[in-house]
């Protein structure tokens, strides 16, 4: 299997023709497991190439060959991420929410299903729902920063400015290389500083966060 095309019996098909590629896989693979594994590789190849339309198509086909809830969760996560990358957040949200019918597990797939659902809900102003999904992600892995950042957005959207600031600070502490949380904290303090309880403490934390991000960028 090459990056740009897949070949079988002298026929070469470009990867963006997912229907023909699947037909070749059905002929060359002896069972559903083999087809699933090959489709997985194609999802990764297409995503790395930036071909999100094809990555989505292969992930959608993978779902047909998934044998358990864990595999289905991965497929739906991949499909949602592909839609996010082309900024189709409404469709991404529908896909993520459909995954909630599966039995949840404590693993990275479910961390990102919860986190990404929260992110999309925030985009549509559904902050109360977003908060719940972000907290579910944090419960799975409190050492990742993404859900703290998105939790901050959800709290800020509900007027919980002090709690939002704390969530942003935690996101910065965990991953200072991702400057988005610092930008959000700066904007929050600038626009809503008079509504933040214990603003003196938050300002001190803001300065620490600035230093932390600066030092991270230097090194």
Protein backbone atom coordinates (compact mmCIF):
# COMPACT_ATOMS: atom_id res chain seq x y z
CA UNK A 1 0.00 0.00 0.00
CA UNK A 2 1.48 3.33 -1.10
CA UNK A 3 0.61 6.76 0.15
CA UNK A 4 -1.10 7.95 -3.04
CA UNK A 5 -2.76 4.79 -4.37
CA UNK A 6 -3.50 1.17 -3.67
CA UNK A 7 -2.79 -1.51 -6.26
CA UNK A 8 -4.07 -5.06 -6.79
CA UNK A 9 -3.80 -7.36 -9.81
CA UNK A 10 -2.36 -4.59 -11.93
CA UNK A 11 -5.11 -2.10 -11.05
CA UNK A 12 -4.07 1.04 -9.18
CA UNK A 13 -6.73 3.17 -7.53
CA UNK A 14 -6.11 6.62 -5.97
CA UNK A 15 -6.81 6.81 -2.27
CA UNK A 16 -9.47 9.45 -2.71
CA UNK A 17 -11.67 6.83 -4.44
CA UNK A 18 -12.63 5.09 -1.22
CA UNK A 19 -15.38 2.94 -2.76
CA UNK A 20 -13.03 1.34 -5.28
CA UNK A 21 -10.32 0.95 -2.66
CA UNK A 22 -12.75 -0.86 -0.38
CA UNK A 23 -13.70 -3.17 -3.24
CA UNK A 24 -10.03 -4.08 -3.67
CA UNK A 25 -9.65 -4.67 0.05
CA UNK A 26 -12.66 -7.00 0.05
CA UNK A 27 -11.00 -9.08 -2.65
CA UNK A 28 -7.53 -9.11 -1.09
CA UNK A 29 -8.39 -9.54 2.61
CA UNK A 30 -9.62 -12.87 3.89
CA UNK A 31 -11.79 -11.58 6.75
CA UNK A 32 -13.42 -8.52 8.34
CA UNK A 33 -10.47 -8.07 10.69
CA UNK A 34 -8.07 -7.69 7.80
CA UNK A 35 -10.32 -5.13 6.10
CA UNK A 36 -10.69 -3.17 9.34
CA UNK A 37 -6.92 -3.06 9.84
CA UNK A 38 -6.29 -1.88 6.29
CA UNK A 39 -8.96 0.80 6.57
CA UNK A 40 -7.33 1.96 9.82
CA UNK A 41 -4.03 2.44 7.99
CA UNK A 42 -5.79 4.41 5.26
CA UNK A 43 -7.45 6.70 7.82
CA UNK A 44 -4.02 7.49 9.26
CA UNK A 45 -2.41 8.00 5.83
CA UNK A 46 -5.15 10.33 4.62
CA UNK A 47 -5.26 12.31 7.86
CA UNK A 48 -1.48 12.80 7.74
CA UNK A 49 -1.79 14.00 4.13
CA UNK A 50 -4.45 16.50 5.13
CA UNK A 51 -7.06 14.73 2.99
CA UNK A 52 -9.82 14.94 5.57
CA UNK A 53 -12.58 14.04 3.12
CA UNK A 54 -10.95 10.67 2.43
CA UNK A 55 -10.01 10.17 6.08
CA UNK A 56 -13.68 10.58 6.97
CA UNK A 57 -14.77 8.20 4.20
CA UNK A 58 -12.42 5.46 5.39
CA UNK A 59 -13.33 5.95 9.05
CA UNK A 60 -17.01 5.69 8.11
CA UNK A 61 -16.30 2.42 6.28
CA UNK A 62 -14.25 1.20 9.23
CA UNK A 63 -17.33 1.58 11.40
CA UNK A 64 -19.05 -1.11 9.34
CA UNK A 65 -16.28 -3.58 10.23
CA UNK A 66 -15.83 -2.61 13.89
CA UNK A 67 -16.35 -5.61 16.14
CA UNK A 68 -16.77 -4.01 19.55
CA UNK A 69 -17.59 -0.74 21.31
CA UNK A 70 -13.95 0.31 21.60
CA UNK A 71 -13.42 0.07 17.86
CA UNK A 72 -16.68 1.88 17.16
CA UNK A 73 -15.65 4.68 19.53
CA UNK A 74 -12.37 5.07 17.64
CA UNK A 75 -14.18 5.20 14.30
CA UNK A 76 -16.63 7.85 15.48
CA UNK A 77 -13.83 9.90 17.03
CA UNK A 78 -11.90 9.78 13.75
CA UNK A 79 -14.99 10.78 11.78
CA UNK A 80 -15.71 13.70 14.12
CA UNK A 81 -12.11 14.90 14.02
CA UNK A 82 -12.17 14.85 10.22
CA UNK A 83 -15.30 17.01 10.23
CA UNK A 84 -13.73 19.40 12.74
CA UNK A 85 -10.66 19.83 10.56
CA UNK A 86 -12.87 21.04 7.70
CA UNK A 87 -14.77 23.24 10.18
CA UNK A 88 -18.04 21.31 9.87
CA UNK A 89 -18.62 21.54 13.60
CA UNK A 90 -22.33 20.81 13.42
CA UNK A 91 -21.74 17.45 11.77
CA UNK A 92 -18.82 16.74 14.10
CA UNK A 93 -21.07 17.35 17.10
CA UNK A 94 -23.73 14.98 15.73
CA UNK A 95 -21.11 12.26 15.32
CA UNK A 96 -19.65 12.75 18.80
CA UNK A 97 -23.08 12.70 20.40
CA UNK A 98 -23.91 9.47 18.56
CA UNK A 99 -20.91 7.89 20.30
CA UNK A 100 -22.58 8.50 23.65
CA UNK A 101 -24.85 5.53 22.94
CA UNK A 102 -21.80 3.28 23.35
CA UNK A 103 -20.66 2.02 26.76
CA UNK A 104 -18.00 4.53 27.91
CA UNK A 105 -14.47 3.49 28.81
CA UNK A 106 -11.61 5.19 30.61
CA UNK A 107 -9.17 5.61 27.74
CA UNK A 108 -7.83 8.26 25.37
CA UNK A 109 -10.58 7.73 22.79
CA UNK A 110 -13.22 8.56 25.35
CA UNK A 111 -11.21 11.47 26.75
CA UNK A 112 -11.23 13.08 23.33
CA UNK A 113 -14.83 12.11 22.58
CA UNK A 114 -15.90 13.96 25.73
CA UNK A 115 -13.46 16.85 25.26
CA UNK A 116 -14.27 17.38 21.59
CA UNK A 117 -17.99 17.20 22.28
CA UNK A 118 -17.51 19.92 24.89
CA UNK A 119 -15.50 22.01 22.44
CA UNK A 120 -18.20 21.78 19.77
CA UNK A 121 -21.01 22.48 22.23
CA UNK A 122 -19.18 25.62 23.33
CA UNK A 123 -19.06 26.80 19.72
CA UNK A 124 -22.84 26.62 19.61
CA UNK A 125 -23.29 28.38 22.95
CA UNK A 126 -24.43 25.23 24.74
CA UNK A 127 -22.15 25.90 27.69
CA UNK A 128 -23.98 23.97 30.41
CA UNK A 129 -23.84 20.76 28.36
CA UNK A 130 -20.25 21.49 27.35
CA UNK A 131 -19.22 21.82 31.00
CA UNK A 132 -20.52 18.34 31.76
CA UNK A 133 -18.59 16.74 28.92
CA UNK A 134 -15.39 18.60 29.80
CA UNK A 135 -15.61 17.43 33.39
CA UNK A 136 -16.17 13.86 32.18
CA UNK A 137 -12.96 14.14 30.14
CA UNK A 138 -11.04 15.54 33.12
CA UNK A 139 -12.24 12.65 35.25
CA UNK A 140 -10.66 10.25 32.75
CA UNK A 141 -7.35 12.11 32.58
CA UNK A 142 -6.71 15.20 34.71
CA UNK A 143 -3.17 15.44 33.32
CA UNK A 144 -4.28 16.63 29.89
CA UNK A 145 -4.86 20.32 29.34
CA UNK A 146 -7.46 20.36 26.55
CA UNK A 147 -10.53 19.73 28.69
CA UNK A 148 -9.49 22.34 31.28
CA UNK A 149 -9.27 24.93 28.52
CA UNK A 150 -12.67 23.98 27.16
CA UNK A 151 -14.10 23.85 30.67
CA UNK A 152 -12.92 27.43 31.11
CA UNK A 153 -14.78 28.48 27.98
CA UNK A 154 -17.93 26.72 29.21
CA UNK A 155 -17.73 28.38 32.63
CA UNK A 156 -17.02 31.78 31.12
CA UNK A 157 -20.05 31.35 28.88
CA UNK A 158 -22.17 30.92 32.01
CA UNK A 159 -20.75 34.01 33.70
CA UNK A 160 -18.63 31.96 36.12
CA UNK A 161 -15.60 34.15 35.51
CA UNK A 162 -13.57 33.24 38.60
CA UNK A 163 -13.99 29.51 37.98
CA UNK A 164 -13.18 30.00 34.31
CA UNK A 165 -9.93 31.74 35.24
CA UNK A 166 -8.95 28.84 37.50
CA UNK A 167 -9.63 26.36 34.68
CA UNK A 168 -7.50 28.35 32.24
CA UNK A 169 -4.68 28.56 34.77
CA UNK A 170 -4.74 24.79 35.23
CA UNK A 171 -4.62 24.28 31.45
CA UNK A 172 -1.58 26.57 31.23
CA UNK A 173 0.13 24.81 34.14
CA UNK A 174 -0.30 21.43 32.47
CA UNK A 175 0.75 22.49 28.97
CA UNK A 176 2.32 25.94 28.73
CA UNK A 177 3.38 25.26 25.13
CA UNK A 178 -0.24 25.59 24.03
CA UNK A 179 -0.75 29.33 24.22
CA UNK A 180 -4.51 29.27 23.69
CA UNK A 181 -5.40 29.05 27.37
CA UNK A 182 -3.14 32.00 28.20
CA UNK A 183 -4.78 34.05 25.45
CA UNK A 184 -8.20 33.18 26.85
CA UNK A 185 -7.12 34.09 30.37
CA UNK A 186 -5.66 37.40 29.22
CA UNK A 187 -8.86 38.27 27.38
CA UNK A 188 -11.02 37.23 30.34
CA UNK A 189 -9.08 39.39 32.81
CA UNK A 190 -9.08 42.31 30.37
CA UNK A 191 -12.83 42.19 29.71
CA UNK A 192 -14.28 40.80 32.93
CA UNK A 193 -11.67 41.58 35.57
CA UNK A 194 -14.13 43.55 37.71
CA UNK A 195 -16.36 40.45 37.93
CA UNK A 196 -13.60 38.07 39.01
CA UNK A 197 -13.50 37.30 42.71
CA UNK A 198 -10.06 37.53 44.35
CA UNK A 199 -8.75 39.35 41.28
CA UNK A 200 -5.46 40.02 43.06
CA UNK A 201 -4.76 36.31 43.33
CA UNK A 202 -5.78 35.76 39.71
CA UNK A 203 -3.49 38.57 38.54
CA UNK A 204 -0.59 37.00 40.43
CA UNK A 205 -1.37 33.68 38.77
CA UNK A 206 -1.59 35.42 35.40
CA UNK A 207 1.93 36.76 35.81
CA UNK A 208 3.16 33.29 36.75
CA UNK A 209 1.46 31.86 33.70
CA UNK A 210 3.06 34.45 31.45
CA UNK A 211 6.48 33.58 32.85
CA UNK A 212 5.83 29.86 32.48
CA UNK A 213 4.78 30.20 28.84
CA UNK A 214 7.73 32.50 28.10
CA UNK A 215 10.22 30.09 29.64
CA UNK A 216 8.69 27.20 27.73
CA UNK A 217 9.04 29.07 24.45
CA UNK A 218 12.68 29.88 25.20
CA UNK A 219 13.55 26.25 25.85
